[in-house]
Protein backbone atom coordinates (compact mmCIF):
# COMPACT_ATOMS: atom_id res chain seq x y z
CA MET A 1 -12.66 34.81 10.85
CA LYS A 2 -13.72 32.14 12.73
CA LYS A 3 -12.88 28.77 10.31
CA ILE A 4 -15.34 25.74 10.01
CA LYS A 5 -15.09 23.42 12.03
CA LEU A 6 -14.44 20.60 10.96
CA GLY A 7 -15.41 16.92 11.52
CA PHE A 8 -12.93 13.65 10.96
CA GLY A 9 -13.88 9.73 11.13
CA ILE A 10 -11.69 7.24 11.82
CA ILE A 11 -11.30 3.71 9.60
CA GLY A 12 -9.33 1.41 11.44
CA THR A 13 -8.90 1.52 15.22
CA GLY A 14 -6.01 -0.43 16.53
CA SER A 15 -2.96 0.95 18.50
CA ILE A 16 -1.91 4.21 16.37
CA ALA A 17 -5.74 4.92 15.63
CA SER A 18 -5.05 6.67 19.20
CA HIS A 19 -2.84 8.78 18.00
CA HIS A 20 -5.08 10.30 15.94
CA VAL A 21 -7.71 11.04 18.74
CA LYS A 22 -5.06 11.70 21.26
CA SER A 23 -4.58 14.74 18.65
CA LEU A 24 -8.07 16.10 17.62
CA GLU A 25 -8.68 16.35 21.18
CA GLU A 26 -6.28 18.97 21.18
CA ILE A 27 -6.90 20.62 17.91
CA GLU A 28 -9.15 23.51 18.25
CA ASN A 29 -12.45 23.31 15.47
CA CYS A 30 -11.45 19.62 14.85
CA GLU A 31 -13.70 17.05 15.89
CA LEU A 32 -13.86 13.10 15.87
CA VAL A 33 -17.53 12.39 15.03
CA ALA A 34 -17.00 8.52 13.73
CA VAL A 35 -15.12 5.57 13.44
CA CYS A 36 -15.33 2.41 11.54
CA SER A 37 -14.17 -0.62 12.28
CA SER A 38 -13.38 -4.75 9.92
CA THR A 39 -15.95 -6.59 12.14
CA THR A 40 -19.36 -5.63 14.38
CA GLU A 41 -17.72 -6.69 17.44
CA ARG A 42 -14.50 -4.81 16.58
CA ALA A 43 -16.86 -1.10 16.24
CA LYS A 44 -18.85 -1.82 19.19
CA ILE A 45 -15.37 -1.88 21.17
CA ALA A 46 -14.36 1.47 19.48
CA SER A 47 -17.04 3.25 20.25
CA GLU A 48 -17.02 2.20 23.90
CA ARG A 49 -13.61 3.34 23.60
CA PHE A 50 -13.42 7.10 21.63
CA GLY A 51 -16.77 7.64 23.04
CA VAL A 52 -18.71 8.37 19.05
CA PRO A 53 -20.71 6.29 16.78
CA ALA A 54 -18.82 3.01 15.47
CA TYR A 55 -19.36 0.93 11.50
CA SER A 56 -18.06 -1.56 10.19
CA ASN A 57 -20.07 -1.21 7.28
CA ILE A 58 -17.44 1.44 5.19
CA ASP A 59 -20.14 2.72 3.19
CA ASN A 60 -22.42 3.81 5.44
CA PHE A 61 -19.83 5.69 8.13
CA LEU A 62 -19.01 7.80 4.83
CA LEU A 63 -22.89 8.50 4.20
CA ARG A 64 -22.12 10.96 7.33
CA GLU A 65 -22.34 14.14 6.08
CA ASP A 66 -20.56 16.08 8.58
CA LEU A 67 -17.66 13.72 8.20
CA ASP A 68 -15.00 16.55 6.39
CA ILE A 69 -12.07 14.71 6.86
CA VAL A 70 -11.20 10.58 6.61
CA SER A 71 -7.88 9.42 8.79
CA VAL A 72 -7.22 5.92 7.27
CA CYS A 73 -5.46 3.35 10.21
CA THR A 74 -6.02 0.17 8.90
CA GLN A 75 -3.25 -2.17 7.91
CA SER A 76 -0.72 -1.22 4.85
CA GLY A 77 -1.62 -3.20 2.46
CA ASN A 78 -5.56 -1.98 3.37
CA HIS A 79 -4.91 1.39 2.35
CA MET A 80 -5.81 1.87 -1.70
CA GLU A 81 -9.96 1.25 -0.91
CA PRO A 82 -10.50 2.97 2.48
CA ILE A 83 -8.48 5.74 0.79
CA ILE A 84 -10.61 5.37 -3.18
CA ALA A 85 -13.81 4.88 -1.21
CA ALA A 86 -13.50 8.20 1.07
CA ALA A 87 -12.29 9.79 -2.38
CA MET A 88 -15.49 9.07 -3.88
CA ALA A 89 -16.93 10.41 -1.52
CA GLY A 90 -15.36 13.48 -1.83
CA LYS A 91 -13.58 13.96 1.45
CA HIS A 92 -9.99 14.61 3.00
CA ILE A 93 -7.38 12.35 3.46
CA ILE A 94 -4.56 11.97 5.86
CA THR A 95 -3.09 7.91 5.83
CA GLU A 96 -0.48 6.09 7.93
CA LYS A 97 2.53 5.77 6.17
CA PRO A 98 3.54 3.98 3.28
CA LEU A 99 0.72 6.09 1.27
CA GLU A 100 0.50 2.04 -0.11
CA VAL A 101 2.95 -1.64 -0.38
CA SER A 102 3.14 -1.72 -3.90
CA LEU A 103 3.73 1.31 -6.53
CA LYS A 104 0.48 0.72 -8.78
CA ARG A 105 -1.66 0.58 -5.43
CA ALA A 106 -0.05 4.22 -4.69
CA ASN A 107 -0.57 5.52 -7.99
CA ARG A 108 -3.99 4.89 -8.26
CA ILE A 109 -4.68 6.50 -4.86
CA ILE A 110 -2.71 9.65 -6.03
CA SER A 111 -4.68 9.41 -9.33
CA VAL A 112 -8.27 9.31 -7.70
CA CYS A 113 -7.68 11.85 -5.38
CA LYS A 114 -6.97 14.34 -7.45
CA SER A 115 -9.99 13.56 -9.94
CA GLN A 116 -11.79 13.49 -7.24
CA GLY A 117 -10.41 17.23 -5.79
CA VAL A 118 -9.42 15.40 -2.13
CA LYS A 119 -6.39 16.92 -0.49
CA LEU A 120 -4.37 14.02 0.57
CA SER A 121 -1.73 13.82 3.25
CA VAL A 122 0.48 10.38 4.04
CA ILE A 123 1.94 10.74 8.10
CA PHE A 124 5.22 11.13 7.78
CA GLN A 125 5.06 12.98 12.13
CA ASN A 126 9.10 13.32 12.26
CA ARG A 127 9.50 16.17 9.44
CA PHE A 128 7.76 17.89 12.08
CA ASN A 129 10.37 17.33 14.85
CA PRO A 130 11.27 20.83 15.77
CA GLY A 131 15.15 19.05 15.82
CA TYR A 132 15.21 18.00 11.66
CA LEU A 133 13.70 21.41 11.00
CA GLN A 134 16.51 23.18 12.65
CA LEU A 135 18.57 20.32 10.71
CA LYS A 136 16.90 21.80 6.71
CA GLN A 137 17.06 24.49 7.80
CA ILE A 138 20.65 24.38 8.28
CA VAL A 139 21.21 22.25 5.32
CA GLN A 140 19.01 24.96 3.66
CA GLN A 141 20.86 28.25 4.32
CA GLY A 142 23.40 26.45 3.03
CA SER A 143 26.04 26.21 6.01
CA LEU A 144 27.08 22.70 5.35
CA GLY A 145 27.64 23.79 1.49
CA LYS A 146 28.11 20.68 -1.04
CA LEU A 147 26.40 17.70 0.25
CA ILE A 148 28.41 14.77 -0.12
CA LEU A 149 27.39 12.20 2.35
CA GLY A 150 23.60 11.18 3.97
CA ASN A 151 23.11 8.06 6.10
CA ALA A 152 20.64 6.60 7.90
CA TYR A 153 20.31 4.32 10.61
CA ILE A 154 17.49 2.55 11.70
CA LYS A 155 18.78 0.06 13.98
CA TRP A 156 15.83 -1.39 16.08
CA TYR A 157 15.04 -4.23 17.36
CA ARG A 158 11.30 -5.84 18.04
CA GLN A 159 10.54 -8.81 20.25
CA GLU A 160 8.72 -12.01 18.48
CA ASP A 161 5.25 -11.72 19.53
CA TYR A 162 5.30 -7.91 17.96
CA TYR A 163 5.04 -10.65 14.34
CA ASN A 164 3.10 -13.20 16.10
CA LYS A 165 0.44 -11.20 17.54
CA SER A 166 -0.70 -9.51 13.96
CA ASN A 167 -1.96 -11.51 11.45
CA TRP A 168 -0.47 -8.96 8.75
CA LYS A 169 3.05 -7.45 10.30
CA GLY A 170 5.36 -8.67 8.52
CA THR A 171 3.92 -10.10 4.90
CA VAL A 172 3.83 -8.96 1.44
CA LYS A 173 0.55 -9.21 1.59
CA GLY A 174 -0.01 -6.59 4.69
CA ASP A 175 3.07 -4.83 5.60
CA GLY A 176 5.19 -5.12 2.12
CA GLY A 177 8.24 -6.69 3.50
CA ALA A 178 8.72 -5.47 7.03
CA ALA A 179 11.60 -3.42 8.23
CA LEU A 180 12.38 -1.48 5.94
CA ILE A 181 8.96 0.09 5.22
CA ASN A 182 7.24 -0.82 8.23
CA GLN A 183 10.28 1.11 10.47
CA GLY A 184 12.75 2.13 8.78
CA ILE A 185 10.78 4.04 6.04
CA HIS A 186 10.89 7.72 8.21
CA THR A 187 14.40 7.69 8.54
CA ILE A 188 14.35 7.03 5.13
CA ASP A 189 11.78 9.70 3.80
CA LEU A 190 14.37 12.08 6.43
CA LEU A 191 17.16 11.39 4.21
CA LEU A 192 15.32 12.15 0.87
CA ASP A 193 13.67 14.63 2.00
CA ILE A 194 17.43 16.22 2.85
CA MET A 195 19.50 15.32 0.12
CA GLN A 196 16.46 14.28 -2.88
CA ASP A 197 16.33 12.17 -5.63
CA VAL A 198 18.18 9.24 -5.58
CA GLN A 199 20.26 8.40 -9.09
CA ASN A 200 20.40 4.68 -8.74
CA VAL A 201 20.98 1.54 -5.92
CA PHE A 202 22.58 -1.33 -4.74
CA GLY A 203 20.72 -3.11 -1.74
CA GLN A 204 21.11 -6.39 0.11
CA VAL A 205 17.98 -7.54 2.49
CA LYS A 206 17.98 -10.46 4.53
CA THR A 207 15.07 -12.69 7.21
CA MET A 208 17.69 -13.37 9.56
CA VAL A 209 16.42 -14.23 13.62
CA HIS A 210 11.91 -13.81 13.04
CA ASP A 211 10.17 -15.75 10.77
CA ILE A 212 8.36 -14.02 9.31
CA GLU A 213 8.12 -13.46 5.25
CA GLY A 214 9.37 -9.92 5.48
CA GLU A 215 13.30 -8.23 6.08
CA ASP A 216 14.51 -7.99 9.44
CA ILE A 217 17.89 -6.85 8.00
CA GLY A 218 18.64 -4.86 5.35
CA ILE A 219 21.40 -2.38 4.07
CA ALA A 220 21.67 0.14 0.59
CA LEU A 221 24.41 1.43 -1.46
CA LEU A 222 23.05 5.30 -2.54
CA ASN A 223 24.10 7.57 -5.30
CA PHE A 224 22.37 10.98 -5.55
CA LYS A 225 21.26 13.07 -8.56
CA ASN A 226 23.30 15.46 -6.98
CA GLY A 227 26.51 13.81 -7.11
CA ALA A 228 26.21 12.83 -3.40
CA MET A 229 26.05 9.13 -1.51
CA GLY A 230 24.99 7.53 0.89
CA THR A 231 23.75 4.72 2.79
CA ILE A 232 20.79 3.03 4.79
CA GLU A 233 20.94 0.10 7.75
CA GLY A 234 17.72 -1.35 9.30
CA GLY A 235 16.51 -3.57 10.23
CA THR A 236 13.78 -5.09 13.65
CA SER A 237 16.38 -8.14 15.21
CA LEU A 238 18.76 -5.74 15.87
CA TYR A 239 19.25 -6.04 19.93
CA PRO A 240 17.96 -4.07 22.12
CA GLY A 241 17.59 -1.97 19.46
CA TYR A 242 19.58 2.41 19.26
CA GLU A 243 17.15 5.38 18.25
CA GLU A 244 17.60 6.07 14.87
CA ARG A 245 20.46 8.33 13.34
CA LEU A 246 20.91 10.35 10.60
CA GLU A 247 23.60 11.14 9.14
CA ILE A 248 24.58 14.56 6.43
CA PHE A 249 27.92 15.50 5.60
CA GLY A 250 28.97 18.81 3.57
CA GLU A 251 31.95 20.52 2.10
CA TYR A 252 31.93 22.80 5.24
CA GLY A 253 30.62 20.35 7.62
CA SER A 254 28.45 18.10 9.34
CA ILE A 255 24.96 17.15 11.42
CA ILE A 256 24.03 14.51 13.23
CA TYR A 257 20.41 13.44 13.66
CA GLU A 258 19.03 11.13 16.87
CA GLY A 259 16.24 10.31 18.54
CA GLY A 260 14.70 12.96 16.92
CA LYS A 261 17.60 15.40 18.26
CA ILE A 262 20.34 16.86 16.54
CA VAL A 263 23.38 15.30 18.84
CA ASN A 264 26.57 17.28 17.14
CA CYS A 265 26.82 19.84 14.37
CA ASP A 266 30.51 21.31 13.19
CA PHE A 267 31.65 23.47 10.48
CA LYS A 268 34.94 23.65 9.56
CA GLY A 269 36.74 26.97 11.78
CA LYS A 270 33.68 27.06 14.21
CA GLU A 271 34.74 24.33 17.20
CA ASP A 272 31.74 25.69 19.04
CA SER A 273 29.12 26.19 16.77
CA ALA A 274 25.82 27.62 17.67
CA ILE A 275 23.23 25.11 18.10
CA ASP A 276 20.45 24.62 20.48
CA PRO A 277 19.81 21.13 20.56
CA SER A 278 16.08 19.93 20.74
CA LYS A 279 14.53 18.13 23.94
CA PHE A 280 12.00 16.91 22.19
CA SER A 281 13.16 13.21 21.34
CA SER A 282 11.02 10.01 19.48
CA SER A 283 12.10 6.92 18.66
CA GLY A 284 10.42 3.31 18.10
CA ALA A 285 13.46 1.62 19.03
CA SER A 286 12.36 -0.92 20.98
CA ASN A 287 8.74 0.12 21.56
CA PRO A 288 6.86 0.96 18.48
CA MET A 289 4.38 2.74 20.89
CA SER A 290 6.72 5.26 23.06
CA VAL A 291 6.54 8.09 19.42
CA ASP A 292 5.21 10.76 20.98
CA TYR A 293 1.57 12.01 19.21
CA ARG A 294 2.51 15.27 19.69
CA LEU A 295 4.13 14.52 16.02
CA HIS A 296 0.88 13.59 14.30
CA LYS A 297 -0.90 16.48 15.92
CA LEU A 298 1.61 18.89 13.82
CA GLN A 299 1.22 17.01 10.73
CA ILE A 300 -2.44 17.10 11.66
CA GLU A 301 -2.81 20.47 12.10
CA GLU A 302 -0.68 21.22 9.00
CA MET A 303 -3.17 19.15 6.83
CA VAL A 304 -6.30 21.51 8.28
CA ASP A 305 -4.27 24.39 7.31
CA ALA A 306 -3.96 22.93 3.91
CA ILE A 307 -7.89 22.71 3.64
CA HIS A 308 -8.77 26.19 4.82
CA ASN A 309 -6.05 28.03 2.69
CA ASP A 310 -6.98 25.27 -0.34
CA ARG A 311 -2.65 24.42 -1.14
CA GLU A 312 -1.60 20.63 -1.44
CA PRO A 313 -0.33 19.64 1.93
CA LEU A 314 2.73 19.57 3.41
CA VAL A 315 3.88 15.20 2.22
CA ASN A 316 1.62 14.71 -0.80
CA GLY A 317 1.18 11.94 -2.26
CA GLU A 318 3.95 12.77 -4.45
CA THR A 319 6.01 13.71 -1.55
CA ALA A 320 5.50 10.10 0.58
CA ILE A 321 5.68 8.39 -2.68
CA LYS A 322 9.37 8.90 -3.14
CA SER A 323 9.97 6.82 -0.22
CA LEU A 324 8.02 3.50 -1.30
CA GLU A 325 9.91 3.68 -4.73
CA LEU A 326 13.22 3.27 -2.95
CA ILE A 327 12.28 0.89 -0.67
CA SER A 328 10.97 -0.33 -3.44
CA ALA A 329 13.93 -0.38 -5.95
CA ILE A 330 16.38 -2.08 -2.23
CA TYR A 331 14.26 -4.78 -2.47
CA GLN A 332 14.35 -5.72 -6.54
CA SER A 333 18.35 -4.73 -5.85
CA SER A 334 18.40 -7.85 -3.51
CA LYS A 335 16.30 -9.59 -5.35
CA GLU A 336 17.91 -9.72 -9.02
CA LYS A 337 21.23 -8.34 -6.80
CA LYS A 338 22.07 -5.56 -9.66
CA LEU A 339 21.91 -1.66 -8.78
CA ILE A 340 18.94 -0.58 -9.90
CA ASP A 341 18.10 2.62 -11.77
CA LEU A 342 15.41 4.28 -10.83
CA LYS A 343 12.88 7.65 -12.61
């Protein structure tokens, strides 16, 4: 049976919107039908850039009958309002990470989407990387045995103009913080996907190089509910910027995942592990736009399949909020200088 074509719209026409546009150009039975920007001038530029009608009024944008799914690509602290508006109009939603900058706003989004019966997917595209899926399969089949340690390192670097040219990056209101909630959250999400729920955390964040409200370096010590321990080290002041790294240790071996690839996989009693490292690499260590759009494409395809088969998307609101909960607890721990328990 031929699947019905789905009409997509994009709210927010900054640089990340191009990843959604490129993805839609390659996905069968999907079509970009309109975009919505913050001003008339920006809408005009977006219309010329993407070749579709553009709006500066979100209500008029959402009135389009050919609009089935809305991609929200606005600043992090401005996700809730357009998502709720789209949900109330009966549109399914794909939003860039994080879900929002506060747990209160994130939970409001989840509640409204559920009450309106629309699907919500949050972009954590690294979950669809072939190398990560290989790592996850190894862990799930029990090859590492009991998990004992999980580490996430996001030692990235951003030039000063990365923040200077933006009116929201690195701000509490627009970004929710900085290095952990913006850049680090992707690898933190993968760490939680493997290690599962956190029992408590002790963290410290500082702003040491950049002139921003949020942190440009952060460190945390984690205790997971399964008894394992873990660490997080993240920053945007760590010149020249190195590929993000995930380390998973179990009683029978370990896996090191770096820059989107498995670089080491060792098991007790097996000198040569039969692992075919993925050649796919996509890291924003020093350049945020070096991230490959093809992972966005895979997640958008998964969302389309969820709609056609009336199931929950892989990364729904409840899944996506876990990394926000942990990062919020790290910020709280740093402020209060104490160990913070999670739910």
